[in-house]
Protein backbone atom coordinates (compact mmCIF):
# COMPACT_ATOMS: atom_id res chain seq x y z
CA MET A 1 -7.56 3.64 54.28
CA ILE A 2 -5.81 0.74 55.99
CA LYS A 3 -7.12 -2.72 55.31
CA SER A 4 -7.38 -5.01 58.30
CA ALA A 5 -7.29 -8.77 58.42
CA LEU A 6 -10.08 -10.79 59.96
CA ALA A 7 -9.97 -14.43 60.96
CA LYS A 8 -12.37 -16.74 59.17
CA ASP A 9 -12.71 -20.33 60.33
CA MET A 10 -12.84 -22.89 57.53
CA LEU A 11 -13.36 -26.63 57.68
CA TRP A 12 -11.09 -28.58 55.36
CA PRO A 13 -12.05 -32.17 54.53
CA ILE A 14 -9.23 -34.69 54.83
CA VAL A 15 -9.00 -38.42 54.21
CA ILE A 16 -6.75 -40.53 56.40
CA HIS A 17 -5.29 -43.74 54.98
CA LYS A 18 -3.55 -46.49 56.91
CA ASP A 19 -1.86 -49.45 55.31
CA PRO A 20 -0.35 -52.26 57.38
CA ASN A 21 3.19 -51.46 58.56
CA SER A 22 2.94 -47.79 57.57
CA ASP A 23 2.28 -44.38 59.06
CA TYR A 24 -1.05 -42.62 58.65
CA GLY A 25 -1.24 -40.82 55.32
CA VAL A 26 -3.47 -37.78 54.88
CA THR A 27 -4.89 -36.44 51.63
CA VAL A 28 -6.57 -33.03 51.34
CA PRO A 29 -8.97 -33.51 48.41
CA ASP A 30 -9.66 -29.79 47.85
CA LEU A 31 -5.95 -28.89 47.73
CA PRO A 32 -4.25 -30.97 45.02
CA GLY A 33 -0.69 -31.76 46.02
CA CYS A 34 -1.35 -31.18 49.71
CA PHE A 35 -0.73 -34.27 51.82
CA SER A 36 0.99 -35.28 55.02
CA VAL A 37 1.78 -38.24 57.26
CA GLY A 38 1.64 -38.88 60.97
CA SER A 39 2.97 -41.62 63.20
CA SER A 40 -0.40 -41.91 64.99
CA TYR A 41 -3.99 -40.98 64.22
CA GLU A 42 -3.66 -37.91 66.44
CA ASP A 43 -0.33 -36.92 64.90
CA ALA A 44 -1.92 -37.24 61.45
CA PHE A 45 -4.35 -34.46 62.39
CA VAL A 46 -1.57 -32.20 63.67
CA GLN A 47 0.53 -32.76 60.56
CA ALA A 48 -2.48 -32.28 58.26
CA LYS A 49 -3.33 -28.94 59.85
CA GLU A 50 0.25 -27.75 59.36
CA ALA A 51 0.33 -29.02 55.75
CA ILE A 52 -2.93 -27.22 54.91
CA SER A 53 -1.70 -24.00 56.51
CA LEU A 54 1.60 -24.10 54.60
CA HIS A 55 -0.11 -25.00 51.34
CA LEU A 56 -2.53 -22.06 51.68
CA GLU A 57 0.35 -19.71 52.53
CA GLY A 58 2.12 -20.87 49.38
CA LEU A 59 -0.96 -20.26 47.24
CA ALA A 60 -1.40 -16.77 48.71
CA SER A 61 2.29 -15.99 48.28
CA ASP A 62 2.11 -16.98 44.62
CA GLY A 63 -1.03 -14.90 44.12
CA ASP A 64 -3.11 -17.99 43.37
CA PRO A 65 -6.74 -18.13 44.48
CA ILE A 66 -7.63 -20.02 47.65
CA PRO A 67 -10.21 -22.68 46.75
CA SER A 68 -13.31 -23.13 48.85
CA PRO A 69 -13.49 -26.56 50.45
CA LEU A 70 -16.32 -28.80 49.29
CA PRO A 71 -18.65 -30.43 51.80
CA LEU A 72 -17.23 -33.60 53.33
CA ALA A 73 -20.20 -35.59 51.98
CA GLU A 74 -19.02 -34.99 48.41
CA HIS A 75 -15.65 -36.57 49.16
CA ILE A 76 -17.18 -39.49 51.06
CA GLN A 77 -19.07 -40.42 47.87
CA ASN A 78 -15.85 -40.39 45.83
CA PRO A 79 -14.69 -43.99 45.25
CA GLU A 80 -11.06 -42.78 45.32
CA TYR A 81 -11.43 -42.25 49.08
CA ALA A 82 -13.58 -45.31 49.87
CA ASP A 83 -10.88 -47.02 51.93
CA GLY A 84 -9.99 -43.91 53.93
CA ILE A 85 -11.29 -42.31 57.11
CA PRO A 86 -12.93 -38.94 56.39
CA ALA A 87 -12.47 -36.08 58.85
CA LEU A 88 -12.47 -32.29 59.07
CA ILE A 89 -9.67 -29.92 60.02
CA GLU A 90 -10.69 -26.49 61.32
CA LEU A 91 -8.31 -23.73 60.33
CA SER A 92 -8.56 -20.00 60.94
CA MET A 93 -7.59 -18.00 57.89
CA LYS A 94 -6.88 -14.29 57.67
CA VAL A 95 -8.99 -12.48 55.12
CA ALA A 96 -8.81 -8.83 54.11
CA ALA A 97 -11.61 -6.67 55.46
């Protein structure tokens, strides 16, 4: 029997940080070590989506489990992200059927 891959849309919470005289930094709370930067707010989203995708590919390649993202509300309550702008990145992931 051949296994097929299905696409599953997932929403990944991100937190965007902006300090004076800097680019926009993005943290992905549910993926430790996954972060990116963008020269504009819009570019930060594009770069974050690519960083998440690459990070997940790396986890899968290493045989590590893919974590499930927590609801955005849980990260908003975290004081570590109090000075950031919360947002969601939608990403389609292939899952075995």
